[in-house]
Amino acid sequence: MLMLKSIKPYAALLVILILAGCSGGRKVFVEHDYSYETNFKDYSSYTFLECERDTNNLCTEIYEAIRRQMQVRGYKLTAEKPTLLVNYGIFYDNLRYQGYMQPVIKNWVDTENDGFRYEPIKYALDKGTLIVSLIDAESDQVVWRGYASGIFKGVENSNNHYRSVVRRIFDQYPLFAKGYDPRRYSEAVGR
């Protein structure tokens, strides 16, 4: 019984540390919006536009993280006739942003329901916002935009912080390149 009483404070401390660790990753707000006039199934390749602002190689780190996310989705990086342009910017101050309440993009792509409407929503984004835009290369129209605010929070806790932020943004874009079958890719990697 004495041993059980001495273990309880340590168990309580462990639970508190686990909860603190879990909540630390939730400080970053992530959202996205997209165009209903887009056939996302037609995109297969991309190229990057220049980062809008660079300090301390942050753009290079984010560039590599975006490149990984596009590669995982089967998109080919090319300078010749890409179907998508990738643009990203880092905003250091608080930002007012006009977003939209929309159905999950995968649901919309599967149904292409014309009945969905854009419902504007205004966000007050915290200092440190990363915005990633996918632009149709032919029309120069933004077709998808993902964003995360508060990206400078928790930087000192992780070597892969920005890679994680970019992954969380692209979790909002669960689509694959035209002709790409992720099952075949995972089978080839497993061999």
Protein backbone atom coordinates (compact mmCIF):
# COMPACT_ATOMS: atom_id res chain seq x y z
CA MET A 1 0.00 0.00 0.00
CA LEU A 2 2.89 2.35 0.82
CA MET A 3 4.40 1.67 -2.62
CA LEU A 4 1.09 2.51 -4.32
CA LYS A 5 0.92 5.87 -2.50
CA SER A 6 4.44 6.76 -3.61
CA ILE A 7 3.69 5.84 -7.25
CA LYS A 8 0.55 8.02 -7.50
CA PRO A 9 2.40 11.39 -7.54
CA TYR A 10 4.70 10.11 -10.30
CA ALA A 11 1.76 8.79 -12.31
CA ALA A 12 -0.01 12.14 -11.97
CA LEU A 13 3.15 13.95 -13.07
CA LEU A 14 3.46 11.63 -16.08
CA VAL A 15 -0.14 12.33 -17.13
CA ILE A 16 0.46 16.10 -16.84
CA LEU A 17 3.64 15.85 -18.94
CA ILE A 18 1.87 13.80 -21.61
CA LEU A 19 -1.01 16.29 -21.78
CA ALA A 20 1.40 19.22 -21.93
CA GLY A 21 3.29 17.54 -24.75
CA CYS A 22 0.11 16.92 -26.72
CA SER A 23 -1.17 20.45 -26.33
CA GLY A 24 2.18 21.93 -27.36
CA GLY A 25 1.63 20.76 -30.94
CA ARG A 26 -1.82 22.31 -31.09
CA LYS A 27 -0.68 25.92 -30.77
CA VAL A 28 -0.55 26.26 -34.54
CA PHE A 29 -3.89 27.00 -36.24
CA VAL A 30 -4.23 25.30 -39.66
CA GLU A 31 -6.95 25.78 -42.28
CA HIS A 32 -7.46 25.81 -46.05
CA ASP A 33 -9.80 26.93 -48.80
CA TYR A 34 -10.17 26.02 -52.46
CA SER A 35 -11.94 26.85 -55.70
CA TYR A 36 -15.10 24.98 -56.69
CA GLU A 37 -14.29 25.71 -60.33
CA THR A 38 -11.24 23.43 -60.30
CA ASN A 39 -10.78 19.91 -61.58
CA PHE A 40 -8.13 18.80 -59.11
CA LYS A 41 -7.86 15.43 -60.89
CA ASP A 42 -6.05 17.07 -63.86
CA TYR A 43 -2.91 18.19 -62.00
CA SER A 44 0.27 16.13 -62.26
CA SER A 45 3.30 18.43 -62.07
CA TYR A 46 4.44 21.64 -60.44
CA THR A 47 7.17 24.20 -60.09
CA PHE A 48 7.92 26.73 -57.38
CA LEU A 49 7.57 30.47 -57.51
CA GLU A 50 9.99 32.46 -55.38
CA CYS A 51 9.43 32.64 -51.63
CA GLU A 52 8.02 36.05 -50.80
CA ARG A 53 10.32 36.63 -47.85
CA ASP A 54 13.41 34.87 -46.52
CA THR A 55 15.22 35.12 -43.20
CA ASN A 56 17.70 32.67 -41.75
CA ASN A 57 17.11 30.09 -44.53
CA LEU A 58 13.51 29.63 -43.40
CA CYS A 59 12.27 29.65 -47.01
CA THR A 60 14.73 26.89 -47.91
CA GLU A 61 13.51 24.71 -45.04
CA ILE A 62 9.85 25.29 -45.96
CA TYR A 63 10.63 24.76 -49.67
CA GLU A 64 12.07 21.31 -48.88
CA ALA A 65 9.09 20.42 -46.69
CA ILE A 66 6.61 21.42 -49.42
CA ARG A 67 8.64 19.52 -52.03
CA ARG A 68 8.41 16.38 -49.87
CA GLN A 69 4.64 16.77 -49.45
CA MET A 70 4.10 17.23 -53.20
CA GLN A 71 6.33 14.23 -53.95
CA VAL A 72 4.40 12.02 -51.52
CA ARG A 73 1.24 12.96 -53.43
CA GLY A 74 2.81 11.94 -56.75
CA TYR A 75 3.36 15.41 -58.23
CA LYS A 76 6.47 15.79 -60.39
CA LEU A 77 8.71 18.83 -59.98
CA THR A 78 9.42 20.24 -63.45
CA ALA A 79 10.32 23.53 -65.07
CA GLU A 80 8.69 22.54 -68.38
CA LYS A 81 4.93 23.03 -68.60
CA PRO A 82 3.94 22.36 -64.98
CA THR A 83 0.21 22.12 -64.30
CA LEU A 84 0.54 23.80 -60.88
CA LEU A 85 2.62 26.65 -59.50
CA VAL A 86 3.48 26.57 -55.80
CA ASN A 87 3.81 29.87 -53.99
CA TYR A 88 4.38 30.39 -50.30
CA GLY A 89 4.88 33.34 -48.02
CA ILE A 90 5.77 33.91 -44.40
CA PHE A 91 4.06 36.75 -42.57
CA TYR A 92 5.65 37.89 -39.32
CA ASP A 93 2.94 40.17 -37.91
CA ASN A 94 -0.67 39.50 -36.94
CA LEU A 95 -2.80 39.12 -40.03
CA ARG A 96 -6.47 39.55 -40.85
CA TYR A 97 -7.45 36.93 -43.38
CA GLN A 98 -10.62 36.22 -45.37
CA GLY A 99 -11.12 32.45 -45.52
CA TYR A 100 -14.10 30.27 -46.34
CA MET A 101 -16.13 27.60 -44.59
CA GLN A 102 -16.24 24.75 -47.10
CA PRO A 103 -16.74 20.99 -47.17
CA VAL A 104 -13.64 18.86 -46.76
CA ILE A 105 -11.86 19.07 -50.12
CA LYS A 106 -11.77 15.28 -50.63
CA ASN A 107 -15.56 15.12 -50.23
CA TRP A 108 -16.07 17.93 -52.73
CA VAL A 109 -13.65 16.40 -55.29
CA ASP A 110 -15.45 13.06 -55.03
CA THR A 111 -18.93 14.58 -55.52
CA GLU A 112 -18.28 17.91 -57.31
CA ASN A 113 -21.61 19.03 -55.92
CA ASP A 114 -22.50 22.37 -57.52
CA GLY A 115 -24.80 23.15 -54.60
CA PHE A 116 -21.94 24.08 -52.27
CA ARG A 117 -21.46 27.79 -51.63
CA TYR A 118 -18.58 29.80 -50.27
CA GLU A 119 -19.28 30.94 -46.74
CA PRO A 120 -16.82 33.72 -45.89
CA ILE A 121 -15.18 33.65 -42.50
CA LYS A 122 -12.77 36.25 -41.13
CA TYR A 123 -9.72 35.08 -39.25
CA ALA A 124 -7.38 37.02 -37.01
CA LEU A 125 -4.20 35.03 -37.54
CA ASP A 126 -1.41 35.13 -34.97
CA LYS A 127 2.11 36.33 -35.59
CA GLY A 128 3.99 33.95 -37.79
CA THR A 129 1.68 32.79 -40.59
CA LEU A 130 2.72 30.53 -43.44
CA ILE A 131 0.47 30.58 -46.50
CA VAL A 132 0.94 27.97 -49.25
CA SER A 133 -0.91 28.52 -52.54
CA LEU A 134 -1.40 26.10 -55.40
CA ILE A 135 -2.00 28.03 -58.60
CA ASP A 136 -3.32 26.68 -61.89
CA ALA A 137 -0.40 27.25 -64.28
CA GLU A 138 -2.64 27.84 -67.28
CA SER A 139 -5.10 30.34 -65.77
CA ASP A 140 -2.86 31.81 -63.01
CA GLN A 141 -5.79 31.36 -60.58
CA VAL A 142 -5.27 30.15 -57.01
CA VAL A 143 -7.06 26.81 -56.76
CA TRP A 144 -6.08 25.84 -53.20
CA ARG A 145 -4.59 27.71 -50.28
CA GLY A 146 -3.46 26.24 -46.97
CA TYR A 147 -2.31 28.30 -44.06
CA ALA A 148 -0.95 27.96 -40.56
CA SER A 149 -0.65 30.74 -37.99
CA GLY A 150 1.46 30.79 -34.88
CA ILE A 151 4.28 28.91 -36.63
CA PHE A 152 6.97 30.50 -34.49
CA LYS A 153 5.50 29.00 -31.31
CA GLY A 154 7.33 25.89 -30.16
CA VAL A 155 10.24 26.32 -32.60
CA GLU A 156 12.78 25.81 -29.84
CA ASN A 157 11.20 22.44 -28.98
CA SER A 158 11.72 20.68 -32.30
CA ASN A 159 14.34 20.33 -34.99
CA ASN A 160 11.61 19.46 -37.50
CA HIS A 161 9.09 22.10 -36.44
CA TYR A 162 8.57 23.71 -39.86
CA ARG A 163 8.44 20.33 -41.60
CA SER A 164 5.66 19.40 -39.17
CA VAL A 165 3.80 22.68 -39.82
CA VAL A 166 3.96 22.11 -43.60
CA ARG A 167 2.77 18.51 -43.14
CA ARG A 168 -0.19 19.77 -41.09
CA ILE A 169 -1.05 22.23 -43.87
CA PHE A 170 -0.86 19.49 -46.50
CA ASP A 171 -2.96 17.17 -44.34
CA GLN A 172 -5.70 19.53 -45.56
CA TYR A 173 -4.87 18.51 -49.16
CA PRO A 174 -5.35 14.72 -49.31
CA LEU A 175 -5.36 14.63 -53.11
CA PHE A 176 -2.96 12.86 -55.48
CA ALA A 177 -1.50 13.71 -58.87
CA LYS A 178 -3.26 12.62 -62.04
CA GLY A 179 -2.42 8.99 -62.78
CA TYR A 180 -0.72 8.45 -59.42
CA ASP A 181 -1.72 5.42 -57.37
CA PRO A 182 -0.37 5.65 -53.80
CA ARG A 183 -0.94 1.90 -53.33
CA ARG A 184 1.51 1.09 -56.13
CA TYR A 185 4.02 3.53 -54.65
CA SER A 186 3.81 1.96 -51.18
CA GLU A 187 4.15 -1.54 -52.69
CA ALA A 188 7.26 -0.48 -54.62
CA VAL A 189 8.77 1.12 -51.52
CA GLY A 190 8.06 -2.04 -49.49
CA ARG A 191 10.08 -4.23 -51.88
